[in-house]
Amino acid sequence: MSNTDRPFIPVSIAVLTASDSRTEADDKSGKALVERLTEAGHRLAEKCIVPDDVYRIRAKVAGWIADPGIQVVLTTGGTGVTGRDGSPEALEPLLDKILNGFGEMFRVLSYDDIGTSTLQSRALAGVANGTYVFVLPGSTGACKLAWEKLIVHQLDYRTRPCNLVELMPRLLEK
């Protein structure tokens, strides 16, 4: 539920596509995320494509979570079960806290679109060094679903009863 009495607070978001075959010209999922985050009023900090390689993915995202100017990281690709799918393995070790509800809700919502195939998704989210990290499947439909049904609402300070933006100032508390 949104409350228009509260101001919208834009956040800085980086987008990474993990793929051995995509280029900027045909990266539909990355483009869909960039379009949606900018339409929502957020700022694109950076966008890049890296190969489906655990260490390249981890290195790029580690740099972003070390940057205090980046508040959210969205990754797309590499969440399946094939040998080259390694985004969860790359990023879970970086997470200080896992938001289990994100993956659970994503799969519930995906079930309406793709049925039992949703069990193959290893989408996840968490917090790393005060930065929210969302690990999304490579399908454009999955990225749109995750953004439109979950992420856009939690990255909106006006969402009640609570949202991720209002917690940002407290993420690094000890």
C-alpha atoms as a PDB file:
ATOM      1  CA  MET A   1       0.000   0.000   0.000  1.00  0.00           C
ATOM      2  CA  SER A   2       1.355   3.427  -0.939  1.00  0.00           C
ATOM      3  CA  ASN A   3       1.005   6.588   1.104  1.00  0.00           C
ATOM      4  CA  THR A   4       1.281   9.764  -0.965  1.00  0.00           C
ATOM      5  CA  ASP A   5       1.764  11.848   2.205  1.00  0.00           C
ATOM      6  CA  ARG A   6       5.379  10.664   2.226  1.00  0.00           C
ATOM      7  CA  PRO A   7       7.904  11.939  -0.330  1.00  0.00           C
ATOM      8  CA  PHE A   8       9.413   9.708  -2.982  1.00  0.00           C
ATOM      9  CA  ILE A   9      13.127   9.135  -2.290  1.00  0.00           C
ATOM     10  CA  PRO A  10      15.128   8.112  -5.377  1.00  0.00           C
ATOM     11  CA  VAL A  11      17.925   5.598  -4.886  1.00  0.00           C
ATOM     12  CA  SER A  12      21.041   4.863  -6.912  1.00  0.00           C
ATOM     13  CA  ILE A  13      20.874   1.463  -8.638  1.00  0.00           C
ATOM     14  CA  ALA A  14      23.491  -0.541 -10.572  1.00  0.00           C
ATOM     15  CA  VAL A  15      22.423  -3.232 -13.064  1.00  0.00           C
ATOM     16  CA  LEU A  16      24.534  -6.252 -14.022  1.00  0.00           C
ATOM     17  CA  THR A  17      23.700  -8.811 -16.690  1.00  0.00           C
ATOM     18  CA  ALA A  18      25.512 -12.137 -16.320  1.00  0.00           C
ATOM     19  CA  SER A  19      25.713 -13.698 -19.766  1.00  0.00           C
ATOM     20  CA  ASP A  20      28.163 -15.364 -22.127  1.00  0.00           C
ATOM     21  CA  SER A  21      26.138 -14.349 -25.167  1.00  0.00           C
ATOM     22  CA  ARG A  22      24.424 -10.994 -24.550  1.00  0.00           C
ATOM     23  CA  THR A  23      25.689  -7.623 -25.744  1.00  0.00           C
ATOM     24  CA  GLU A  24      24.336  -4.139 -25.040  1.00  0.00           C
ATOM     25  CA  ALA A  25      22.458  -4.420 -28.350  1.00  0.00           C
ATOM     26  CA  ASP A  26      20.448  -7.498 -27.337  1.00  0.00           C
ATOM     27  CA  ASP A  27      20.377  -7.387 -23.525  1.00  0.00           C
ATOM     28  CA  LYS A  28      16.590  -7.206 -23.167  1.00  0.00           C
ATOM     29  CA  SER A  29      16.500  -8.051 -19.459  1.00  0.00           C
ATOM     30  CA  GLY A  30      19.089  -5.462 -18.462  1.00  0.00           C
ATOM     31  CA  LYS A  31      17.349  -2.861 -20.609  1.00  0.00           C
ATOM     32  CA  ALA A  32      13.966  -3.704 -19.064  1.00  0.00           C
ATOM     33  CA  LEU A  33      15.366  -3.182 -15.573  1.00  0.00           C
ATOM     34  CA  VAL A  34      17.010   0.128 -16.535  1.00  0.00           C
ATOM     35  CA  GLU A  35      13.775   1.363 -18.140  1.00  0.00           C
ATOM     36  CA  ARG A  36      11.710   0.439 -15.115  1.00  0.00           C
ATOM     37  CA  LEU A  37      14.020   1.879 -12.495  1.00  0.00           C
ATOM     38  CA  THR A  38      14.336   5.191 -14.337  1.00  0.00           C
ATOM     39  CA  GLU A  39      10.576   5.362 -14.995  1.00  0.00           C
ATOM     40  CA  ALA A  40      10.055   4.869 -11.247  1.00  0.00           C
ATOM     41  CA  GLY A  41      12.294   7.899 -10.563  1.00  0.00           C
ATOM     42  CA  HIS A  42      15.457   6.142  -9.425  1.00  0.00           C
ATOM     43  CA  ARG A  43      18.986   6.849 -10.724  1.00  0.00           C
ATOM     44  CA  LEU A  44      21.029   4.409 -12.804  1.00  0.00           C
ATOM     45  CA  ALA A  45      24.512   4.332 -11.268  1.00  0.00           C
ATOM     46  CA  GLU A  46      26.024   1.926 -13.795  1.00  0.00           C
ATOM     47  CA  LYS A  47      25.069  -0.917 -16.115  1.00  0.00           C
ATOM     48  CA  CYS A  48      27.344  -3.643 -17.394  1.00  0.00           C
ATOM     49  CA  ILE A  49      27.445  -7.139 -18.833  1.00  0.00           C
ATOM     50  CA  VAL A  50      29.897  -9.719 -17.509  1.00  0.00           C
ATOM     51  CA  PRO A  51      30.396 -13.342 -18.544  1.00  0.00           C
ATOM     52  CA  ASP A  52      28.660 -16.117 -16.601  1.00  0.00           C
ATOM     53  CA  ASP A  53      31.712 -16.543 -14.394  1.00  0.00           C
ATOM     54  CA  VAL A  54      31.390 -16.687 -10.597  1.00  0.00           C
ATOM     55  CA  TYR A  55      34.536 -14.639  -9.992  1.00  0.00           C
ATOM     56  CA  ARG A  56      33.800 -11.943 -12.587  1.00  0.00           C
ATOM     57  CA  ILE A  57      30.241 -11.544 -11.252  1.00  0.00           C
ATOM     58  CA  ARG A  58      31.456 -11.442  -7.655  1.00  0.00           C
ATOM     59  CA  ALA A  59      34.230  -8.951  -8.426  1.00  0.00           C
ATOM     60  CA  LYS A  60      31.907  -6.501 -10.175  1.00  0.00           C
ATOM     61  CA  VAL A  61      29.227  -6.623  -7.499  1.00  0.00           C
ATOM     62  CA  ALA A  62      31.843  -6.455  -4.702  1.00  0.00           C
ATOM     63  CA  GLY A  63      33.071  -3.195  -6.220  1.00  0.00           C
ATOM     64  CA  TRP A  64      29.549  -1.828  -6.317  1.00  0.00           C
ATOM     65  CA  ILE A  65      28.747  -2.755  -2.721  1.00  0.00           C
ATOM     66  CA  ALA A  66      31.989  -1.069  -1.634  1.00  0.00           C
ATOM     67  CA  ASP A  67      30.838   2.154  -3.346  1.00  0.00           C
ATOM     68  CA  PRO A  68      28.780   4.272  -0.920  1.00  0.00           C
ATOM     69  CA  GLY A  69      27.118   5.948  -3.925  1.00  0.00           C
ATOM     70  CA  ILE A  70      25.359   2.714  -4.938  1.00  0.00           C
ATOM     71  CA  GLN A  71      22.424   1.708  -2.764  1.00  0.00           C
ATOM     72  CA  VAL A  72      20.931  -1.169  -4.762  1.00  0.00           C
ATOM     73  CA  VAL A  73      22.321  -3.774  -7.162  1.00  0.00           C
ATOM     74  CA  LEU A  74      20.088  -5.659  -9.590  1.00  0.00           C
ATOM     75  CA  THR A  75      21.595  -8.645 -11.377  1.00  0.00           C
ATOM     76  CA  THR A  76      19.957 -10.661 -14.114  1.00  0.00           C
ATOM     77  CA  GLY A  77      21.037 -14.052 -15.404  1.00  0.00           C
ATOM     78  CA  GLY A  78      22.839 -17.066 -14.005  1.00  0.00           C
ATOM     79  CA  THR A  79      20.159 -18.234 -11.560  1.00  0.00           C
ATOM     80  CA  GLY A  80      19.301 -21.508 -13.284  1.00  0.00           C
ATOM     81  CA  VAL A  81      20.756 -24.956 -12.692  1.00  0.00           C
ATOM     82  CA  THR A  82      23.103 -25.459 -15.634  1.00  0.00           C
ATOM     83  CA  GLY A  83      26.862 -25.678 -15.241  1.00  0.00           C
ATOM     84  CA  ARG A  84      27.419 -22.029 -16.204  1.00  0.00           C
ATOM     85  CA  ASP A  85      24.678 -20.638 -13.900  1.00  0.00           C
ATOM     86  CA  GLY A  86      26.550 -19.261 -10.915  1.00  0.00           C
ATOM     87  CA  SER A  87      25.087 -15.918  -9.841  1.00  0.00           C
ATOM     88  CA  PRO A  88      23.776 -17.209  -6.483  1.00  0.00           C
ATOM     89  CA  GLU A  89      27.138 -18.859  -5.750  1.00  0.00           C
ATOM     90  CA  ALA A  90      28.936 -15.667  -6.758  1.00  0.00           C
ATOM     91  CA  LEU A  91      26.825 -13.340  -4.657  1.00  0.00           C
ATOM     92  CA  GLU A  92      25.526 -15.212  -1.626  1.00  0.00           C
ATOM     93  CA  PRO A  93      28.983 -15.171   0.052  1.00  0.00           C
ATOM     94  CA  LEU A  94      28.928 -11.355  -0.159  1.00  0.00           C
ATOM     95  CA  LEU A  95      25.581 -11.048   1.625  1.00  0.00           C
ATOM     96  CA  ASP A  96      25.495 -10.098   5.299  1.00  0.00           C
ATOM     97  CA  LYS A  97      21.795 -10.932   5.468  1.00  0.00           C
ATOM     98  CA  ILE A  98      19.538 -12.876   3.107  1.00  0.00           C
ATOM     99  CA  LEU A  99      15.988 -11.678   2.457  1.00  0.00           C
ATOM    100  CA  ASN A 100      14.453 -15.145   2.168  1.00  0.00           C
ATOM    101  CA  GLY A 101      11.003 -13.729   1.516  1.00  0.00           C
ATOM    102  CA  PHE A 102      12.103 -12.262  -1.811  1.00  0.00           C
ATOM    103  CA  GLY A 103      12.972 -15.617  -3.413  1.00  0.00           C
ATOM    104  CA  GLU A 104       9.936 -17.253  -1.874  1.00  0.00           C
ATOM    105  CA  MET A 105       7.534 -14.551  -3.097  1.00  0.00           C
ATOM    106  CA  PHE A 106       9.182 -14.412  -6.520  1.00  0.00           C
ATOM    107  CA  ARG A 107       8.640 -18.142  -7.034  1.00  0.00           C
ATOM    108  CA  VAL A 108       5.022 -17.929  -5.823  1.00  0.00           C
ATOM    109  CA  LEU A 109       4.328 -15.130  -8.315  1.00  0.00           C
ATOM    110  CA  SER A 110       6.244 -16.919 -11.097  1.00  0.00           C
ATOM    111  CA  TYR A 111       4.124 -20.020 -10.644  1.00  0.00           C
ATOM    112  CA  ASP A 112       1.170 -18.172 -12.183  1.00  0.00           C
ATOM    113  CA  ASP A 113       3.233 -17.575 -15.346  1.00  0.00           C
ATOM    114  CA  ILE A 114       5.409 -20.668 -15.707  1.00  0.00           C
ATOM    115  CA  GLY A 115       3.934 -23.303 -13.405  1.00  0.00           C
ATOM    116  CA  THR A 116       6.250 -25.795 -11.767  1.00  0.00           C
ATOM    117  CA  SER A 117       9.203 -24.578 -13.854  1.00  0.00           C
ATOM    118  CA  THR A 118       9.546 -21.879 -11.190  1.00  0.00           C
ATOM    119  CA  LEU A 119      11.248 -24.420  -8.914  1.00  0.00           C
ATOM    120  CA  GLN A 120      14.311 -24.098 -11.168  1.00  0.00           C
ATOM    121  CA  SER A 121      14.723 -20.433 -10.207  1.00  0.00           C
ATOM    122  CA  ARG A 122      17.318 -19.637  -7.586  1.00  0.00           C
ATOM    123  CA  ALA A 123      16.421 -15.939  -7.391  1.00  0.00           C
ATOM    124  CA  LEU A 124      17.488 -14.352  -4.130  1.00  0.00           C
ATOM    125  CA  ALA A 125      18.037 -11.036  -2.399  1.00  0.00           C
ATOM    126  CA  GLY A 126      19.944  -9.714   0.555  1.00  0.00           C
ATOM    127  CA  VAL A 127      21.981  -6.936   2.095  1.00  0.00           C
ATOM    128  CA  ALA A 128      25.736  -6.583   1.601  1.00  0.00           C
ATOM    129  CA  ASN A 129      27.655  -3.738   3.228  1.00  0.00           C
ATOM    130  CA  GLY A 130      24.491  -1.656   3.476  1.00  0.00           C
ATOM    131  CA  THR A 131      23.561  -2.274  -0.174  1.00  0.00           C
ATOM    132  CA  TYR A 132      20.510  -4.222  -1.288  1.00  0.00           C
ATOM    133  CA  VAL A 133      21.324  -6.946  -3.835  1.00  0.00           C
ATOM    134  CA  PHE A 134      18.669  -8.642  -5.961  1.00  0.00           C
ATOM    135  CA  VAL A 135      19.693 -11.719  -7.998  1.00  0.00           C
ATOM    136  CA  LEU A 136      17.136 -12.220 -10.780  1.00  0.00           C
ATOM    137  CA  PRO A 137      16.723 -14.771 -13.561  1.00  0.00           C
ATOM    138  CA  GLY A 138      17.840 -13.839 -17.072  1.00  0.00           C
ATOM    139  CA  SER A 139      14.390 -13.963 -18.616  1.00  0.00           C
ATOM    140  CA  THR A 140      12.929 -10.558 -19.417  1.00  0.00           C
ATOM    141  CA  GLY A 141       9.534 -11.695 -18.152  1.00  0.00           C
ATOM    142  CA  ALA A 142      11.052 -12.735 -14.825  1.00  0.00           C
ATOM    143  CA  CYS A 143      12.829  -9.382 -14.468  1.00  0.00           C
ATOM    144  CA  LYS A 144       9.630  -7.486 -15.225  1.00  0.00           C
ATOM    145  CA  LEU A 145       7.684  -9.634 -12.748  1.00  0.00           C
ATOM    146  CA  ALA A 146      10.263  -9.166  -9.974  1.00  0.00           C
ATOM    147  CA  TRP A 147      10.399  -5.411 -10.527  1.00  0.00           C
ATOM    148  CA  GLU A 148       6.680  -4.767 -10.965  1.00  0.00           C
ATOM    149  CA  LYS A 149       5.351  -7.042  -8.232  1.00  0.00           C
ATOM    150  CA  LEU A 150       8.083  -6.798  -5.590  1.00  0.00           C
ATOM    151  CA  ILE A 151      11.091  -4.546  -6.018  1.00  0.00           C
ATOM    152  CA  VAL A 152       9.428  -1.311  -7.161  1.00  0.00           C
ATOM    153  CA  HIS A 153       7.206  -1.326  -4.068  1.00  0.00           C
ATOM    154  CA  GLN A 154       9.983  -2.081  -1.609  1.00  0.00           C
ATOM    155  CA  LEU A 155      12.197   0.625  -3.140  1.00  0.00           C
ATOM    156  CA  ASP A 156       9.443   3.195  -2.656  1.00  0.00           C
ATOM    157  CA  TYR A 157       9.593   5.105   0.628  1.00  0.00           C
ATOM    158  CA  ARG A 158       5.840   5.705   0.360  1.00  0.00           C
ATOM    159  CA  THR A 159       5.008   1.976   0.644  1.00  0.00           C
ATOM    160  CA  ARG A 160       3.348   1.095   3.949  1.00  0.00           C
ATOM    161  CA  PRO A 161       3.532  -0.522   6.394  1.00  0.00           C
ATOM    162  CA  CYS A 162       7.259  -0.756   5.659  1.00  0.00           C
ATOM    163  CA  ASN A 163       9.784  -0.676   2.840  1.00  0.00           C
ATOM    164  CA  LEU A 164      13.498  -1.178   2.250  1.00  0.00           C
ATOM    165  CA  VAL A 165      14.258   2.508   1.647  1.00  0.00           C
ATOM    166  CA  GLU A 166      13.300   3.572   5.153  1.00  0.00           C
ATOM    167  CA  LEU A 167      15.734   0.999   6.553  1.00  0.00           C
ATOM    168  CA  MET A 168      18.727   2.216   4.503  1.00  0.00           C
ATOM    169  CA  PRO A 169      20.069   4.592   7.168  1.00  0.00           C
ATOM    170  CA  ARG A 170      20.188   1.693   9.643  1.00  0.00           C
ATOM    171  CA  LEU A 171      21.714  -1.057   7.505  1.00  0.00           C
ATOM    172  CA  LEU A 172      25.254  -0.569   8.801  1.00  0.00           C
ATOM    173  CA  GLU A 173      24.338  -0.333  12.493  1.00  0.00           C
ATOM    174  CA  LYS A 174      26.457  -2.423  14.829  1.00  0.00           C
END
